[in-house]
Amino acid sequence: MPKKTPNPSRSLWATSTWLKTQDEPSQTFFWQTGYGMFSVSESKVPDVTAYIQNQAEHHQRLDFKSEFRLLCQRHGIELDEQHAWD
């Protein structure tokens, strides 16, 4: 059986389409030029939900760019900073 290759464009499209069917603020959602996409196992959904709910507080201690660098580093992902930020 051939290995499936993830298609980030399809995931972005599906996420955008779903978000735009939600409440009014989400209807104007768009992806920034640079983005990162990570999958999350079902067992970690509560942890991710809690993180998102406390994100503003969390980013007072560690800014987004620093956190994203650490996340990429932790998972062995090479980050090209020339293209990572708007």
Protein backbone atom coordinates (compact mmCIF):
# COMPACT_ATOMS: atom_id res chain seq x y z
CA MET A 1 0.00 0.00 0.00
CA PRO A 2 1.50 3.39 -0.97
CA LYS A 3 2.31 5.80 1.83
CA LYS A 4 0.02 8.83 1.97
CA THR A 5 1.73 12.19 1.88
CA PRO A 6 0.09 14.96 3.92
CA ASN A 7 -1.32 17.77 1.85
CA PRO A 8 -1.03 21.01 3.86
CA SER A 9 -2.99 22.99 1.25
CA ARG A 10 -5.97 20.66 1.61
CA SER A 11 -5.80 20.90 5.41
CA LEU A 12 -5.63 24.70 5.25
CA TRP A 13 -8.59 24.80 2.87
CA ALA A 14 -10.65 22.44 5.06
CA THR A 15 -9.86 24.40 8.21
CA SER A 16 -10.63 27.75 6.60
CA THR A 17 -13.89 26.44 5.13
CA TRP A 18 -15.00 25.05 8.50
CA LEU A 19 -14.04 28.21 10.41
CA LYS A 20 -15.99 30.41 8.03
CA THR A 21 -19.18 28.48 8.87
CA GLN A 22 -18.76 29.32 12.55
CA ASP A 23 -19.58 32.53 14.41
CA GLU A 24 -19.17 35.92 12.76
CA PRO A 25 -15.57 36.75 13.86
CA SER A 26 -14.37 33.52 12.22
CA GLN A 27 -15.97 34.35 8.89
CA THR A 28 -13.11 36.74 8.06
CA PHE A 29 -10.42 34.21 9.02
CA PHE A 30 -7.37 33.89 6.76
CA TRP A 31 -3.97 32.22 7.03
CA GLN A 32 -0.93 34.45 7.32
CA THR A 33 1.86 34.09 4.76
CA GLY A 34 3.99 31.90 7.01
CA TYR A 35 2.35 29.23 9.14
CA GLY A 36 3.10 26.02 10.97
CA MET A 37 0.89 23.01 11.19
CA PHE A 38 1.22 20.23 13.74
CA SER A 39 -1.07 17.28 14.32
CA VAL A 40 -2.33 16.48 17.81
CA SER A 41 -3.34 13.08 19.07
CA GLU A 42 -6.90 12.74 20.32
CA SER A 43 -5.66 12.15 23.88
CA LYS A 44 -3.98 15.59 23.88
CA VAL A 45 -7.01 17.61 22.72
CA PRO A 46 -7.91 18.69 26.29
CA ASP A 47 -4.32 19.90 26.86
CA VAL A 48 -4.29 21.84 23.58
CA THR A 49 -7.71 23.34 24.34
CA ALA A 50 -6.51 24.49 27.77
CA TYR A 51 -3.36 25.95 26.18
CA ILE A 52 -5.38 27.92 23.63
CA GLN A 53 -7.70 29.25 26.32
CA ASN A 54 -4.68 30.54 28.29
CA GLN A 55 -2.59 31.60 25.30
CA ALA A 56 -2.63 35.35 26.03
CA GLU A 57 -1.34 34.76 29.55
CA HIS A 58 1.19 32.22 28.32
CA HIS A 59 2.60 34.62 25.70
CA GLN A 60 3.29 37.20 28.41
CA ARG A 61 6.06 34.84 29.58
CA LEU A 62 7.22 33.52 26.19
CA ASP A 63 6.52 35.29 22.92
CA PHE A 64 5.12 33.43 19.90
CA LYS A 65 8.33 33.38 17.87
CA SER A 66 10.40 31.99 20.75
CA GLU A 67 7.78 29.36 21.46
CA PHE A 68 7.52 28.34 17.79
CA ARG A 69 11.32 28.04 17.57
CA LEU A 70 11.31 25.76 20.61
CA LEU A 71 8.46 23.66 19.23
CA CYS A 72 10.27 23.15 15.93
CA GLN A 73 13.52 22.37 17.73
CA ARG A 74 11.80 19.87 20.04
CA HIS A 75 10.38 17.98 17.05
CA GLY A 76 13.48 18.12 14.84
CA ILE A 77 12.00 20.55 12.33
CA GLU A 78 14.38 22.89 10.54
CA LEU A 79 12.97 26.42 10.68
CA ASP A 80 13.91 28.81 7.89
CA GLU A 81 13.37 32.11 9.70
CA GLN A 82 13.77 34.06 6.48
CA HIS A 83 10.39 32.66 5.41
CA ALA A 84 8.77 31.94 8.78
CA TRP A 85 7.56 35.38 9.80
CA ASP A 86 5.42 38.01 8.05
